Amino acid sequence: MKEANEQMLEILYQWDPLGYGDEAYETEVFDVLQAVHVSDEPSHLSRKIQAIYEFSFEEIVPLKECEKIAFQLLLIKNNAACER
């Protein structure tokens, strides 16, 4: 799971949903990573990701963007679970 976490962190650090630069989201990256580990449903995770960024920046990331990242993260998580 360590390798999966590293892959997810890399994706999240490269994701710049609000155009603030990839270094602006340190706290959010770890909040999203935590959410990935407690959610298996893409639609639930998408809304959680949207809420995390909205809480921090008082701006709404379009749900479609959150869905794309949620699917990527859950794919990594599920692949890691299958490798056990």
Protein backbone atom coordinates (compact mmCIF):
# COMPACT_ATOMS: atom_id res chain seq x y z
CA MET A 1 0.00 0.00 0.00
CA LYS A 2 3.00 2.29 0.49
CA GLU A 3 3.68 2.32 -3.24
CA ALA A 4 0.00 3.02 -3.95
CA ASN A 5 0.07 5.94 -1.52
CA GLU A 6 3.13 7.35 -3.25
CA GLN A 7 1.43 7.05 -6.65
CA MET A 8 -1.70 8.76 -5.34
CA LEU A 9 0.33 11.53 -3.73
CA GLU A 10 2.14 12.14 -7.02
CA ILE A 11 -1.17 12.48 -8.86
CA LEU A 12 -2.60 14.79 -6.22
CA TYR A 13 0.48 17.01 -6.08
CA GLN A 14 0.35 17.45 -9.86
CA TRP A 15 -3.37 18.24 -9.83
CA ASP A 16 -4.00 22.00 -9.77
CA PRO A 17 -7.81 22.26 -9.79
CA LEU A 18 -7.99 25.95 -8.91
CA GLY A 19 -4.94 27.26 -10.75
CA TYR A 20 -2.97 28.24 -7.63
CA GLY A 21 0.11 26.20 -8.47
CA ASP A 22 0.80 22.67 -7.39
CA GLU A 23 2.40 23.73 -4.09
CA ALA A 24 -0.78 25.38 -2.81
CA TYR A 25 -2.57 22.19 -1.79
CA GLU A 26 -0.42 20.42 0.83
CA THR A 27 -3.18 20.04 3.43
CA GLU A 28 -5.81 19.12 0.86
CA VAL A 29 -3.61 16.43 -0.69
CA PHE A 30 -3.40 14.57 2.62
CA ASP A 31 -7.10 15.09 3.37
CA VAL A 32 -7.96 13.57 -0.02
CA LEU A 33 -5.55 10.69 0.52
CA GLN A 34 -7.27 9.93 3.82
CA ALA A 35 -10.67 10.09 2.11
CA VAL A 36 -9.52 7.58 -0.51
CA HIS A 37 -8.79 5.06 2.23
CA VAL A 38 -12.29 5.30 3.71
CA SER A 39 -14.26 5.44 0.46
CA ASP A 40 -14.77 2.85 -2.25
CA GLU A 41 -17.55 4.66 -4.10
CA PRO A 42 -16.38 7.10 -6.84
CA SER A 43 -19.38 9.41 -6.50
CA HIS A 44 -18.94 9.67 -2.72
CA LEU A 45 -15.21 10.30 -3.06
CA SER A 46 -15.80 12.91 -5.77
CA ARG A 47 -18.11 14.89 -3.52
CA LYS A 48 -15.68 14.55 -0.62
CA ILE A 49 -12.80 15.86 -2.76
CA GLN A 50 -14.97 18.78 -3.89
CA ALA A 51 -15.87 19.56 -0.27
CA ILE A 52 -12.23 19.46 0.88
CA TYR A 53 -11.14 22.05 -1.67
CA GLU A 54 -14.24 24.17 -1.17
CA PHE A 55 -13.65 24.28 2.59
CA SER A 56 -10.04 25.38 2.16
CA PHE A 57 -10.39 27.85 -0.69
CA GLU A 58 -14.08 28.82 -0.68
CA GLU A 59 -14.19 27.92 -4.37
CA ILE A 60 -15.94 24.98 -5.97
CA VAL A 61 -13.97 22.58 -8.13
CA PRO A 62 -16.32 21.24 -10.84
CA LEU A 63 -17.62 17.81 -9.89
CA LYS A 64 -16.51 16.36 -13.26
CA GLU A 65 -12.88 17.22 -12.40
CA CYS A 66 -13.28 15.65 -8.98
CA GLU A 67 -14.77 12.53 -10.56
CA LYS A 68 -11.78 12.15 -12.88
CA ILE A 69 -9.30 12.32 -10.02
CA ALA A 70 -11.45 10.07 -7.82
CA PHE A 71 -11.49 7.35 -10.48
CA GLN A 72 -7.70 7.55 -10.87
CA LEU A 73 -7.12 7.33 -7.13
CA LEU A 74 -9.56 4.47 -6.59
CA LEU A 75 -8.01 2.56 -9.48
CA ILE A 76 -4.61 2.76 -7.80
CA LYS A 77 -6.09 1.80 -4.43
CA ASN A 78 -8.00 -1.15 -5.85
CA ASN A 79 -5.02 -2.40 -7.85
CA ALA A 80 -2.91 -2.31 -4.69
CA ALA A 81 -5.57 -4.26 -2.80
CA CYS A 82 -5.61 -6.92 -5.53
CA GLU A 83 -1.85 -7.36 -5.32
CA ARG A 84 -1.91 -8.44 -1.68
